[in-house]
């Protein structure tokens, strides 16, 4: 694990919080807003890592970027760290919204 993995988790949390605040401002439940933010943030990092894997592998066949065996450990952590951070924030939002 390195600093970029933690930075990606922090940026994902920032996107999640901003998205959740916008969703709540438009009347959504806090948990729903947090879930929307998590899907946006983790989806961004998934797309980023898939694109990098496709570039390294040459691009053929079309699904080569989804072959996680070709991903480096750093690339896997660049996806896992934001996913774990956003899932934890969703859990906290779920608990807070039910109180």
Foldseek 3Di string as FASTA:
>chain_A
DDPLLVVLLVVLVVQLVVQLVVVVVVPDQSLVSLVVSLCVSLVVLLVVQLVVLCVVVVCPPVCRSVPCVSGDPVSVSSNVSNNVSSVVVSVVSVVVRVD
